[in-house]
Amino acid sequence: MDTIQESVTSLKQAWEKLKLTEPSLRIRDAAAKLGTSEAELLATGIGENVIRLSDQFEEQMLEFPKLGRVMALTRSEGCVLEHKGPFQKN
């Protein structure tokens, strides 16, 4: 196993353990406890419960309605915007 894959596996295992001990912990706080970023924690779920977007964003936007119900989250230090539901044509 290469070093990057070992790191990903190790991080995924640490996060899974943390979720067992603190099931209500938000991913942002879990990342801080594990000394990593929220994006890196999300990346451990690619292919399972995370879909990585390509750089063809306009084309992807046209396909988003096919995803059905989703949760879209935008966060900064000042606020959190969360939307749950289907992407719809406007």
PDB file of N, CA and C in Angstrom:
ATOM      1  N   MET A   1       0.850  -1.175   0.000  1.00  0.00           N
ATOM      2  CA  MET A   1       0.000   0.000   0.000  1.00  0.00           C
ATOM      3  C   MET A   1       0.896   1.240   0.000  1.00  0.00           C
ATOM      4  N   ASP A   2       0.555   2.215  -0.809  1.00  0.00           N
ATOM      5  CA  ASP A   2       1.392   3.415  -0.866  1.00  0.00           C
ATOM      6  C   ASP A   2       1.116   4.344   0.315  1.00  0.00           C
ATOM      7  N   THR A   3       1.992   5.288   0.523  1.00  0.00           N
ATOM      8  CA  THR A   3       1.917   6.185   1.673  1.00  0.00           C
ATOM      9  C   THR A   3       0.636   7.002   1.710  1.00  0.00           C
ATOM     10  N   ILE A   4       0.199   7.511   0.551  1.00  0.00           N
ATOM     11  CA  ILE A   4      -1.031   8.310   0.514  1.00  0.00           C
ATOM     12  C   ILE A   4      -2.223   7.453   0.908  1.00  0.00           C
ATOM     13  N   GLN A   5      -2.320   6.257   0.346  1.00  0.00           N
ATOM     14  CA  GLN A   5      -3.435   5.374   0.669  1.00  0.00           C
ATOM     15  C   GLN A   5      -3.402   4.981   2.149  1.00  0.00           C
ATOM     16  N   GLU A   6      -2.215   4.757   2.684  1.00  0.00           N
ATOM     17  CA  GLU A   6      -2.098   4.443   4.110  1.00  0.00           C
ATOM     18  C   GLU A   6      -2.595   5.601   4.962  1.00  0.00           C
ATOM     19  N   SER A   7      -2.270   6.834   4.561  1.00  0.00           N
ATOM     20  CA  SER A   7      -2.719   8.016   5.299  1.00  0.00           C
ATOM     21  C   SER A   7      -4.232   8.146   5.253  1.00  0.00           C
ATOM     22  N   VAL A   8      -4.808   7.915   4.077  1.00  0.00           N
ATOM     23  CA  VAL A   8      -6.267   7.997   3.926  1.00  0.00           C
ATOM     24  C   VAL A   8      -6.936   6.933   4.779  1.00  0.00           C
ATOM     25  N   THR A   9      -6.424   5.731   4.724  1.00  0.00           N
ATOM     26  CA  THR A   9      -6.980   4.636   5.517  1.00  0.00           C
ATOM     27  C   THR A   9      -6.876   4.939   7.005  1.00  0.00           C
ATOM     28  N   SER A  10      -5.739   5.441   7.431  1.00  0.00           N
ATOM     29  CA  SER A  10      -5.535   5.786   8.837  1.00  0.00           C
ATOM     30  C   SER A  10      -6.505   6.879   9.287  1.00  0.00           C
ATOM     31  N   LEU A  11      -6.663   7.913   8.454  1.00  0.00           N
ATOM     32  CA  LEU A  11      -7.587   9.001   8.785  1.00  0.00           C
ATOM     33  C   LEU A  11      -9.017   8.489   8.843  1.00  0.00           C
ATOM     34  N   LYS A  12      -9.389   7.652   7.887  1.00  0.00           N
ATOM     35  CA  LYS A  12     -10.749   7.096   7.863  1.00  0.00           C
ATOM     36  C   LYS A  12     -11.005   6.281   9.127  1.00  0.00           C
ATOM     37  N   GLN A  13     -10.046   5.468   9.531  1.00  0.00           N
ATOM     38  CA  GLN A  13     -10.200   4.655  10.739  1.00  0.00           C
ATOM     39  C   GLN A  13     -10.310   5.532  11.985  1.00  0.00           C
ATOM     40  N   ALA A  14      -9.504   6.590  12.045  1.00  0.00           N
ATOM     41  CA  ALA A  14      -9.555   7.499  13.193  1.00  0.00           C
ATOM     42  C   ALA A  14     -10.904   8.195  13.259  1.00  0.00           C
ATOM     43  N   TRP A  15     -11.436   8.590  12.101  1.00  0.00           N
ATOM     44  CA  TRP A  15     -12.734   9.259  12.075  1.00  0.00           C
ATOM     45  C   TRP A  15     -13.854   8.294  12.471  1.00  0.00           C
ATOM     46  N   GLU A  16     -13.785   7.071  11.972  1.00  0.00           N
ATOM     47  CA  GLU A  16     -14.801   6.077  12.340  1.00  0.00           C
ATOM     48  C   GLU A  16     -14.792   5.830  13.850  1.00  0.00           C
ATOM     49  N   LYS A  17     -13.619   5.756  14.440  1.00  0.00           N
ATOM     50  CA  LYS A  17     -13.499   5.560  15.889  1.00  0.00           C
ATOM     51  C   LYS A  17     -14.076   6.763  16.634  1.00  0.00           C
ATOM     52  N   LEU A  18     -13.749   7.964  16.156  1.00  0.00           N
ATOM     53  CA  LEU A  18     -14.258   9.181  16.794  1.00  0.00           C
ATOM     54  C   LEU A  18     -15.781   9.249  16.715  1.00  0.00           C
ATOM     55  N   LYS A  19     -16.355   8.832  15.574  1.00  0.00           N
ATOM     56  CA  LYS A  19     -17.817   8.842  15.425  1.00  0.00           C
ATOM     57  C   LYS A  19     -18.480   7.885  16.405  1.00  0.00           C
ATOM     58  N   LEU A  20     -17.799   6.795  16.740  1.00  0.00           N
ATOM     59  CA  LEU A  20     -18.352   5.850  17.707  1.00  0.00           C
ATOM     60  C   LEU A  20     -18.359   6.432  19.118  1.00  0.00           C
ATOM     61  N   THR A  21     -17.306   7.164  19.449  1.00  0.00           N
ATOM     62  CA  THR A  21     -17.208   7.722  20.801  1.00  0.00           C
ATOM     63  C   THR A  21     -17.974   9.037  20.951  1.00  0.00           C
ATOM     64  N   GLU A  22     -18.123   9.775  19.845  1.00  0.00           N
ATOM     65  CA  GLU A  22     -18.847  11.049  19.869  1.00  0.00           C
ATOM     66  C   GLU A  22     -19.775  11.137  18.650  1.00  0.00           C
ATOM     67  N   PRO A  23     -20.880  10.384  18.686  1.00  0.00           N
ATOM     68  CA  PRO A  23     -21.736  10.289  17.503  1.00  0.00           C
ATOM     69  C   PRO A  23     -22.402  11.589  17.061  1.00  0.00           C
ATOM     70  N   SER A  24     -22.544  12.553  17.927  1.00  0.00           N
ATOM     71  CA  SER A  24     -23.195  13.815  17.540  1.00  0.00           C
ATOM     72  C   SER A  24     -22.190  14.893  17.123  1.00  0.00           C
ATOM     73  N   LEU A  25     -20.908  14.544  17.079  1.00  0.00           N
ATOM     74  CA  LEU A  25     -19.867  15.498  16.717  1.00  0.00           C
ATOM     75  C   LEU A  25     -19.993  15.885  15.245  1.00  0.00           C
ATOM     76  N   ARG A  26     -19.990  17.171  14.965  1.00  0.00           N
ATOM     77  CA  ARG A  26     -20.066  17.643  13.581  1.00  0.00           C
ATOM     78  C   ARG A  26     -18.726  17.409  12.885  1.00  0.00           C
ATOM     79  N   ILE A  27     -18.788  17.229  11.566  1.00  0.00           N
ATOM     80  CA  ILE A  27     -17.588  16.921  10.798  1.00  0.00           C
ATOM     81  C   ILE A  27     -16.524  18.002  10.944  1.00  0.00           C
ATOM     82  N   ARG A  28     -16.949  19.238  11.028  1.00  0.00           N
ATOM     83  CA  ARG A  28     -15.995  20.342  11.184  1.00  0.00           C
ATOM     84  C   ARG A  28     -15.204  20.190  12.487  1.00  0.00           C
ATOM     85  N   ASP A  29     -15.926  19.856  13.558  1.00  0.00           N
ATOM     86  CA  ASP A  29     -15.279  19.683  14.857  1.00  0.00           C
ATOM     87  C   ASP A  29     -14.432  18.409  14.891  1.00  0.00           C
ATOM     88  N   ALA A  30     -14.895  17.379  14.190  1.00  0.00           N
ATOM     89  CA  ALA A  30     -14.120  16.143  14.104  1.00  0.00           C
ATOM     90  C   ALA A  30     -12.788  16.413  13.396  1.00  0.00           C
ATOM     91  N   ALA A  31     -12.841  17.195  12.330  1.00  0.00           N
ATOM     92  CA  ALA A  31     -11.615  17.534  11.604  1.00  0.00           C
ATOM     93  C   ALA A  31     -10.629  18.257  12.510  1.00  0.00           C
ATOM     94  N   ALA A  32     -11.129  19.192  13.295  1.00  0.00           N
ATOM     95  CA  ALA A  32     -10.254  19.929  14.209  1.00  0.00           C
ATOM     96  C   ALA A  32      -9.620  18.979  15.228  1.00  0.00           C
ATOM     97  N   LYS A  33     -10.419  18.063  15.771  1.00  0.00           N
ATOM     98  CA  LYS A  33      -9.888  17.110  16.756  1.00  0.00           C
ATOM     99  C   LYS A  33      -8.839  16.183  16.142  1.00  0.00           C
ATOM    100  N   LEU A  34      -9.034  15.860  14.867  1.00  0.00           N
ATOM    101  CA  LEU A  34      -8.115  14.935  14.202  1.00  0.00           C
ATOM    102  C   LEU A  34      -6.952  15.649  13.526  1.00  0.00           C
ATOM    103  N   GLY A  35      -6.941  16.990  13.614  1.00  0.00           N
ATOM    104  CA  GLY A  35      -5.844  17.761  13.040  1.00  0.00           C
ATOM    105  C   GLY A  35      -5.812  17.744  11.528  1.00  0.00           C
ATOM    106  N   THR A  36      -7.003  17.762  10.919  1.00  0.00           N
ATOM    107  CA  THR A  36      -7.103  17.720   9.466  1.00  0.00           C
ATOM    108  C   THR A  36      -8.193  18.694   9.022  1.00  0.00           C
ATOM    109  N   SER A  37      -8.493  18.703   7.749  1.00  0.00           N
ATOM    110  CA  SER A  37      -9.545  19.585   7.248  1.00  0.00           C
ATOM    111  C   SER A  37     -10.837  18.801   7.039  1.00  0.00           C
ATOM    112  N   GLU A  38     -11.928  19.532   6.989  1.00  0.00           N
ATOM    113  CA  GLU A  38     -13.226  18.921   6.722  1.00  0.00           C
ATOM    114  C   GLU A  38     -13.217  18.247   5.347  1.00  0.00           C
ATOM    115  N   ALA A  39     -12.581  18.884   4.375  1.00  0.00           N
ATOM    116  CA  ALA A  39     -12.503  18.317   3.022  1.00  0.00           C
ATOM    117  C   ALA A  39     -11.763  16.977   3.027  1.00  0.00           C
ATOM    118  N   GLU A  40     -10.693  16.886   3.821  1.00  0.00           N
ATOM    119  CA  GLU A  40      -9.953  15.623   3.881  1.00  0.00           C
ATOM    120  C   GLU A  40     -10.796  14.514   4.508  1.00  0.00           C
ATOM    121  N   LEU A  41     -11.589  14.857   5.517  1.00  0.00           N
ATOM    122  CA  LEU A  41     -12.483  13.848   6.092  1.00  0.00           C
ATOM    123  C   LEU A  41     -13.528  13.423   5.072  1.00  0.00           C
ATOM    124  N   LEU A  42     -14.110  14.375   4.365  1.00  0.00           N
ATOM    125  CA  LEU A  42     -15.084  14.034   3.329  1.00  0.00           C
ATOM    126  C   LEU A  42     -14.468  13.123   2.277  1.00  0.00           C
ATOM    127  N   ALA A  43     -13.234  13.402   1.901  1.00  0.00           N
ATOM    128  CA  ALA A  43     -12.575  12.617   0.857  1.00  0.00           C
ATOM    129  C   ALA A  43     -12.437  11.147   1.236  1.00  0.00           C
ATOM    130  N   THR A  44     -12.439  10.833   2.518  1.00  0.00           N
ATOM    131  CA  THR A  44     -12.347   9.426   2.924  1.00  0.00           C
ATOM    132  C   THR A  44     -13.609   8.654   2.556  1.00  0.00           C
ATOM    133  N   GLY A  45     -14.684   9.362   2.229  1.00  0.00           N
ATOM    134  CA  GLY A  45     -15.937   8.700   1.864  1.00  0.00           C
ATOM    135  C   GLY A  45     -16.229   8.679   0.379  1.00  0.00           C
ATOM    136  N   ILE A  46     -15.277   9.114  -0.456  1.00  0.00           N
ATOM    137  CA  ILE A  46     -15.504   9.117  -1.903  1.00  0.00           C
ATOM    138  C   ILE A  46     -15.772   7.685  -2.375  1.00  0.00           C
ATOM    139  N   GLY A  47     -16.848   7.550  -3.124  1.00  0.00           N
ATOM    140  CA  GLY A  47     -17.231   6.235  -3.623  1.00  0.00           C
ATOM    141  C   GLY A  47     -18.186   5.503  -2.698  1.00  0.00           C
ATOM    142  N   GLU A  48     -18.377   6.012  -1.498  1.00  0.00           N
ATOM    143  CA  GLU A  48     -19.303   5.398  -0.548  1.00  0.00           C
ATOM    144  C   GLU A  48     -20.501   6.321  -0.333  1.00  0.00           C
ATOM    145  N   ASN A  49     -20.243   7.478   0.287  1.00  0.00           N
ATOM    146  CA  ASN A  49     -21.323   8.429   0.552  1.00  0.00           C
ATOM    147  C   ASN A  49     -20.952   9.849   0.125  1.00  0.00           C
ATOM    148  N   VAL A  50     -19.887   9.968  -0.658  1.00  0.00           N
ATOM    149  CA  VAL A  50     -19.409  11.262  -1.146  1.00  0.00           C
ATOM    150  C   VAL A  50     -19.160  11.146  -2.648  1.00  0.00           C
ATOM    151  N   ILE A  51     -19.643  12.124  -3.393  1.00  0.00           N
ATOM    152  CA  ILE A  51     -19.408  12.174  -4.837  1.00  0.00           C
ATOM    153  C   ILE A  51     -18.477  13.334  -5.118  1.00  0.00           C
ATOM    154  N   ARG A  52     -17.359  13.044  -5.751  1.00  0.00           N
ATOM    155  CA  ARG A  52     -16.401  14.089  -6.099  1.00  0.00           C
ATOM    156  C   ARG A  52     -16.830  14.729  -7.412  1.00  0.00           C
ATOM    157  N   LEU A  53     -16.898  16.055  -7.418  1.00  0.00           N
ATOM    158  CA  LEU A  53     -17.284  16.784  -8.616  1.00  0.00           C
ATOM    159  C   LEU A  53     -16.066  17.012  -9.499  1.00  0.00           C
ATOM    160  N   SER A  54     -16.285  17.010 -10.810  1.00  0.00           N
ATOM    161  CA  SER A  54     -15.197  17.287 -11.741  1.00  0.00           C
ATOM    162  C   SER A  54     -15.131  18.788 -12.000  1.00  0.00           C
ATOM    163  N   ASP A  55     -14.225  19.193 -12.869  1.00  0.00           N
ATOM    164  CA  ASP A  55     -14.107  20.612 -13.186  1.00  0.00           C
ATOM    165  C   ASP A  55     -15.070  21.042 -14.302  1.00  0.00           C
ATOM    166  N   GLN A  56     -15.934  20.156 -14.729  1.00  0.00           N
ATOM    167  CA  GLN A  56     -16.941  20.468 -15.747  1.00  0.00           C
ATOM    168  C   GLN A  56     -18.236  20.883 -15.048  1.00  0.00           C
ATOM    169  N   PHE A  57     -18.168  21.992 -14.299  1.00  0.00           N
ATOM    170  CA  PHE A  57     -19.255  22.348 -13.406  1.00  0.00           C
ATOM    171  C   PHE A  57     -20.571  22.643 -14.133  1.00  0.00           C
ATOM    172  N   GLU A  58     -20.518  23.348 -15.246  1.00  0.00           N
ATOM    173  CA  GLU A  58     -21.760  23.674 -15.961  1.00  0.00           C
ATOM    174  C   GLU A  58     -22.479  22.405 -16.413  1.00  0.00           C
ATOM    175  N   GLU A  59     -21.727  21.445 -16.934  1.00  0.00           N
ATOM    176  CA  GLU A  59     -22.320  20.181 -17.362  1.00  0.00           C
ATOM    177  C   GLU A  59     -22.902  19.425 -16.167  1.00  0.00           C
ATOM    178  N   GLN A  60     -22.197  19.450 -15.053  1.00  0.00           N
ATOM    179  CA  GLN A  60     -22.678  18.757 -13.858  1.00  0.00           C
ATOM    180  C   GLN A  60     -23.964  19.374 -13.337  1.00  0.00           C
ATOM    181  N   MET A  61     -24.043  20.688 -13.382  1.00  0.00           N
ATOM    182  CA  MET A  61     -25.243  21.375 -12.893  1.00  0.00           C
ATOM    183  C   MET A  61     -26.496  20.855 -13.598  1.00  0.00           C
ATOM    184  N   LEU A  62     -26.363  20.552 -14.867  1.00  0.00           N
ATOM    185  CA  LEU A  62     -27.508  20.039 -15.623  1.00  0.00           C
ATOM    186  C   LEU A  62     -27.919  18.646 -15.150  1.00  0.00           C
ATOM    187  N   GLU A  63     -26.991  17.926 -14.561  1.00  0.00           N
ATOM    188  CA  GLU A  63     -27.260  16.567 -14.083  1.00  0.00           C
ATOM    189  C   GLU A  63     -27.717  16.519 -12.623  1.00  0.00           C
ATOM    190  N   PHE A  64     -27.537  17.601 -11.887  1.00  0.00           N
ATOM    191  CA  PHE A  64     -27.861  17.603 -10.450  1.00  0.00           C
ATOM    192  C   PHE A  64     -29.292  17.181 -10.134  1.00  0.00           C
ATOM    193  N   PRO A  65     -30.298  17.557 -10.923  1.00  0.00           N
ATOM    194  CA  PRO A  65     -31.654  17.113 -10.586  1.00  0.00           C
ATOM    195  C   PRO A  65     -31.794  15.591 -10.511  1.00  0.00           C
ATOM    196  N   LYS A  66     -30.938  14.851 -11.204  1.00  0.00           N
ATOM    197  CA  LYS A  66     -30.988  13.384 -11.178  1.00  0.00           C
ATOM    198  C   LYS A  66     -30.560  12.820  -9.830  1.00  0.00           C
ATOM    199  N   LEU A  67     -29.891  13.624  -9.014  1.00  0.00           N
ATOM    200  CA  LEU A  67     -29.432  13.146  -7.705  1.00  0.00           C
ATOM    201  C   LEU A  67     -30.579  12.925  -6.734  1.00  0.00           C
ATOM    202  N   GLY A  68     -31.717  13.567  -6.997  1.00  0.00           N
ATOM    203  CA  GLY A  68     -32.837  13.455  -6.064  1.00  0.00           C
ATOM    204  C   GLY A  68     -32.615  14.379  -4.881  1.00  0.00           C
ATOM    205  N   ARG A  69     -33.035  13.936  -3.712  1.00  0.00           N
ATOM    206  CA  ARG A  69     -32.898  14.765  -2.507  1.00  0.00           C
ATOM    207  C   ARG A  69     -31.441  14.776  -2.058  1.00  0.00           C
ATOM    208  N   VAL A  70     -30.911  15.961  -1.836  1.00  0.00           N
ATOM    209  CA  VAL A  70     -29.528  16.132  -1.398  1.00  0.00           C
ATOM    210  C   VAL A  70     -29.476  17.153  -0.267  1.00  0.00           C
ATOM    211  N   MET A  71     -28.320  17.240   0.358  1.00  0.00           N
ATOM    212  CA  MET A  71     -28.066  18.293   1.326  1.00  0.00           C
ATOM    213  C   MET A  71     -26.874  19.071   0.807  1.00  0.00           C
ATOM    214  N   ALA A  72     -27.078  20.373   0.584  1.00  0.00           N
ATOM    215  CA  ALA A  72     -26.010  21.259   0.146  1.00  0.00           C
ATOM    216  C   ALA A  72     -25.653  22.172   1.309  1.00  0.00           C
ATOM    217  N   LEU A  73     -24.375  22.273   1.617  1.00  0.00           N
ATOM    218  CA  LEU A  73     -23.928  23.027   2.772  1.00  0.00           C
ATOM    219  C   LEU A  73     -22.814  23.976   2.376  1.00  0.00           C
ATOM    220  N   THR A  74     -22.958  25.221   2.775  1.00  0.00           N
ATOM    221  CA  THR A  74     -21.914  26.224   2.594  1.00  0.00           C
ATOM    222  C   THR A  74     -21.633  26.813   3.961  1.00  0.00           C
ATOM    223  N   ARG A  75     -20.369  26.848   4.351  1.00  0.00           N
ATOM    224  CA  ARG A  75     -20.036  27.290   5.698  1.00  0.00           C
ATOM    225  C   ARG A  75     -18.853  28.236   5.659  1.00  0.00           C
ATOM    226  N   SER A  76     -18.911  29.234   6.517  1.00  0.00           N
ATOM    227  CA  SER A  76     -17.768  30.109   6.763  1.00  0.00           C
ATOM    228  C   SER A  76     -17.687  30.302   8.268  1.00  0.00           C
ATOM    229  N   GLU A  77     -16.727  31.082   8.709  1.00  0.00           N
ATOM    230  CA  GLU A  77     -16.626  31.362  10.142  1.00  0.00           C
ATOM    231  C   GLU A  77     -17.853  32.130  10.647  1.00  0.00           C
ATOM    232  N   GLY A  78     -18.510  32.873   9.736  1.00  0.00           N
ATOM    233  CA  GLY A  78     -19.627  33.724  10.135  1.00  0.00           C
ATOM    234  C   GLY A  78     -21.000  33.106  10.059  1.00  0.00           C
ATOM    235  N   CYS A  79     -21.194  32.117   9.180  1.00  0.00           N
ATOM    236  CA  CYS A  79     -22.541  31.547   9.048  1.00  0.00           C
ATOM    237  C   CYS A  79     -22.496  30.183   8.374  1.00  0.00           C
ATOM    238  N   VAL A  80     -23.636  29.505   8.449  1.00  0.00           N
ATOM    239  CA  VAL A  80     -23.824  28.216   7.804  1.00  0.00           C
ATOM    240  C   VAL A  80     -25.108  28.292   6.990  1.00  0.00           C
ATOM    241  N   LEU A  81     -25.024  27.933   5.717  1.00  0.00           N
ATOM    242  CA  LEU A  81     -26.198  27.858   4.857  1.00  0.00           C
ATOM    243  C   LEU A  81     -26.400  26.393   4.493  1.00  0.00           C
ATOM    244  N   GLU A  82     -27.577  25.872   4.795  1.00  0.00           N
ATOM    245  CA  GLU A  82     -27.855  24.466   4.541  1.00  0.00           C
ATOM    246  C   GLU A  82     -29.182  24.355   3.806  1.00  0.00           C
ATOM    247  N   HIS A  83     -29.181  23.574   2.743  1.00  0.00           N
ATOM    248  CA  HIS A  83     -30.404  23.352   1.980  1.00  0.00           C
ATOM    249  C   HIS A  83     -30.580  21.855   1.789  1.00  0.00           C
ATOM    250  N   LYS A  84     -31.777  21.361   2.095  1.00  0.00           N
ATOM    251  CA  LYS A  84     -32.093  19.948   1.881  1.00  0.00           C
ATOM    252  C   LYS A  84     -33.262  19.870   0.919  1.00  0.00           C
ATOM    253  N   GLY A  85     -33.092  19.061  -0.102  1.00  0.00           N
ATOM    254  CA  GLY A  85     -34.148  18.882  -1.083  1.00  0.00           C
ATOM    255  C   GLY A  85     -33.549  18.628  -2.446  1.00  0.00           C
ATOM    256  N   PRO A  86     -34.406  18.549  -3.453  1.00  0.00           N
ATOM    257  CA  PRO A  86     -33.899  18.310  -4.808  1.00  0.00           C
ATOM    258  C   PRO A  86     -33.411  19.589  -5.470  1.00  0.00           C
ATOM    259  N   PHE A  87     -32.450  19.435  -6.384  1.00  0.00           N
ATOM    260  CA  PHE A  87     -32.070  20.571  -7.226  1.00  0.00           C
ATOM    261  C   PHE A  87     -33.185  20.735  -8.244  1.00  0.00           C
ATOM    262  N   GLN A  88     -33.608  21.972  -8.453  1.00  0.00           N
ATOM    263  CA  GLN A  88     -34.708  22.214  -9.386  1.00  0.00           C
ATOM    264  C   GLN A  88     -34.296  23.234 -10.422  1.00  0.00           C
ATOM    265  N   LYS A  89     -34.916  23.121 -11.574  1.00  0.00           N
ATOM    266  CA  LYS A  89     -34.669  24.084 -12.627  1.00  0.00           C
ATOM    267  C   LYS A  89     -35.334  25.395 -12.252  1.00  0.00           C
ATOM    268  N   ASN A  90     -34.614  26.507 -12.345  1.00  0.00           N
ATOM    269  CA  ASN A  90     -35.177  27.822 -12.022  1.00  0.00           C
ATOM    270  C   ASN A  90     -35.345  28.643 -13.274  1.00  0.00           C
TER     271      ASN A  90
END
